[in-house]
Amino acid sequence: MEKIRRLFRVDSNYQLIIVNIVFAITGTLALYLAGDVLHFIGVMHGDVSNVVYWTLRILVIIPVYQILLIVIGTVFGEFSYFWEMEKKMFSRFRKKS
């Protein structure tokens, strides 16, 4: 269990459980909401090719997931944990000079 806590960089088993619950809820909700977002902007699965639909869906899932991770993490009292994770992830996207 210690190895897993080090991997997730958490202090206790309780925090590890909370972090995993947040990841589970966020992933499920992001997948669900991505379909709603595509429906809202008028992209239906049958109206466009599979390649276009799934490309758009993945492109929608990414920002939705990032926003939900912060929101749900905050609800569960782990804002600082997930905010640090987000900052690390965004630093990987920055252009290196």
Protein backbone atom coordinates (compact mmCIF):
# COMPACT_ATOMS: atom_id res chain seq x y z
CA MET A 1 0.00 0.00 0.00
CA GLU A 2 2.92 2.31 0.70
CA LYS A 3 4.06 1.99 -2.92
CA ILE A 4 0.66 3.07 -4.19
CA ARG A 5 0.55 6.03 -1.79
CA ARG A 6 3.97 7.15 -3.03
CA LEU A 7 2.83 6.78 -6.63
CA PHE A 8 -0.18 9.01 -6.00
CA ARG A 9 1.81 11.26 -3.64
CA VAL A 10 -0.74 11.06 -0.83
CA ASP A 11 -0.21 10.89 2.91
CA SER A 12 -2.84 8.40 4.03
CA ASN A 13 -5.02 5.55 2.85
CA TYR A 14 -8.06 7.78 3.36
CA GLN A 15 -6.65 10.41 0.99
CA LEU A 16 -5.81 7.67 -1.52
CA ILE A 17 -9.42 6.46 -1.47
CA ILE A 18 -10.74 10.01 -1.89
CA VAL A 19 -8.38 10.68 -4.81
CA ASN A 20 -9.46 7.48 -6.54
CA ILE A 21 -13.13 8.27 -6.01
CA VAL A 22 -12.58 11.72 -7.54
CA PHE A 23 -10.84 10.19 -10.56
CA ALA A 24 -13.65 7.67 -11.02
CA ILE A 25 -16.44 10.24 -10.80
CA THR A 26 -14.59 12.72 -13.01
CA GLY A 27 -13.86 10.21 -15.75
CA THR A 28 -17.39 8.88 -15.85
CA LEU A 29 -18.96 12.33 -15.78
CA ALA A 30 -16.58 13.69 -18.46
CA LEU A 31 -17.52 10.86 -20.82
CA TYR A 32 -21.20 11.45 -20.19
CA LEU A 33 -21.03 15.24 -20.54
CA ALA A 34 -18.94 15.10 -23.73
CA GLY A 35 -21.88 13.49 -25.50
CA ASP A 36 -24.19 16.21 -24.19
CA VAL A 37 -21.79 18.96 -25.32
CA LEU A 38 -21.58 17.48 -28.82
CA HIS A 39 -25.36 17.15 -28.92
CA PHE A 40 -25.70 20.79 -27.80
CA ILE A 41 -23.45 22.04 -30.62
CA GLY A 42 -25.33 19.89 -33.12
CA VAL A 43 -22.89 17.06 -33.76
CA MET A 44 -24.77 13.79 -33.82
CA HIS A 45 -23.14 10.38 -34.16
CA GLY A 46 -25.12 9.47 -37.28
CA ASP A 47 -24.68 12.84 -39.00
CA VAL A 48 -20.89 12.74 -39.32
CA SER A 49 -18.39 9.99 -39.96
CA ASN A 50 -17.13 7.92 -37.04
CA VAL A 51 -13.65 9.40 -37.36
CA VAL A 52 -14.93 12.97 -37.14
CA TYR A 53 -17.34 12.19 -34.31
CA TRP A 54 -14.80 10.40 -32.12
CA THR A 55 -12.09 12.96 -32.83
CA LEU A 56 -14.44 15.75 -31.75
CA ARG A 57 -15.61 13.76 -28.74
CA ILE A 58 -12.04 13.20 -27.53
CA LEU A 59 -11.24 16.88 -28.09
CA VAL A 60 -14.28 17.79 -25.98
CA ILE A 61 -13.51 15.24 -23.26
CA ILE A 62 -10.06 16.66 -22.52
CA PRO A 63 -11.07 20.17 -21.33
CA VAL A 64 -14.28 18.89 -19.73
CA TYR A 65 -12.24 16.38 -17.73
CA GLN A 66 -9.75 19.03 -16.58
CA ILE A 67 -12.50 21.35 -15.36
CA LEU A 68 -14.43 18.57 -13.66
CA LEU A 69 -11.29 17.29 -11.94
CA ILE A 70 -10.84 20.63 -10.17
CA VAL A 71 -14.55 21.01 -9.37
CA ILE A 72 -15.07 17.48 -8.04
CA GLY A 73 -11.71 17.51 -6.27
CA THR A 74 -12.80 20.69 -4.50
CA VAL A 75 -16.13 19.14 -3.48
CA PHE A 76 -14.19 16.27 -1.89
CA GLY A 77 -11.79 18.67 -0.13
CA GLU A 78 -8.75 17.91 -2.28
CA PHE A 79 -8.47 21.14 -4.30
CA SER A 80 -4.77 21.67 -3.62
CA TYR A 81 -3.90 18.08 -4.63
CA PHE A 82 -5.69 18.31 -7.96
CA TRP A 83 -4.61 21.90 -8.62
CA GLU A 84 -0.96 20.84 -8.34
CA MET A 85 -1.70 17.94 -10.68
CA GLU A 86 -3.32 20.29 -13.20
CA LYS A 87 -0.39 22.71 -13.08
CA LYS A 88 2.02 19.85 -13.73
CA MET A 89 -0.07 18.63 -16.64
CA PHE A 90 -0.36 22.09 -18.21
CA SER A 91 3.39 22.62 -17.89
CA ARG A 92 3.86 19.62 -20.19
CA PHE A 93 1.80 21.35 -22.90
CA ARG A 94 3.80 24.58 -22.85
CA LYS A 95 6.10 25.26 -25.73
CA LYS A 96 9.69 24.77 -24.74
CA SER A 97 12.05 27.48 -25.95
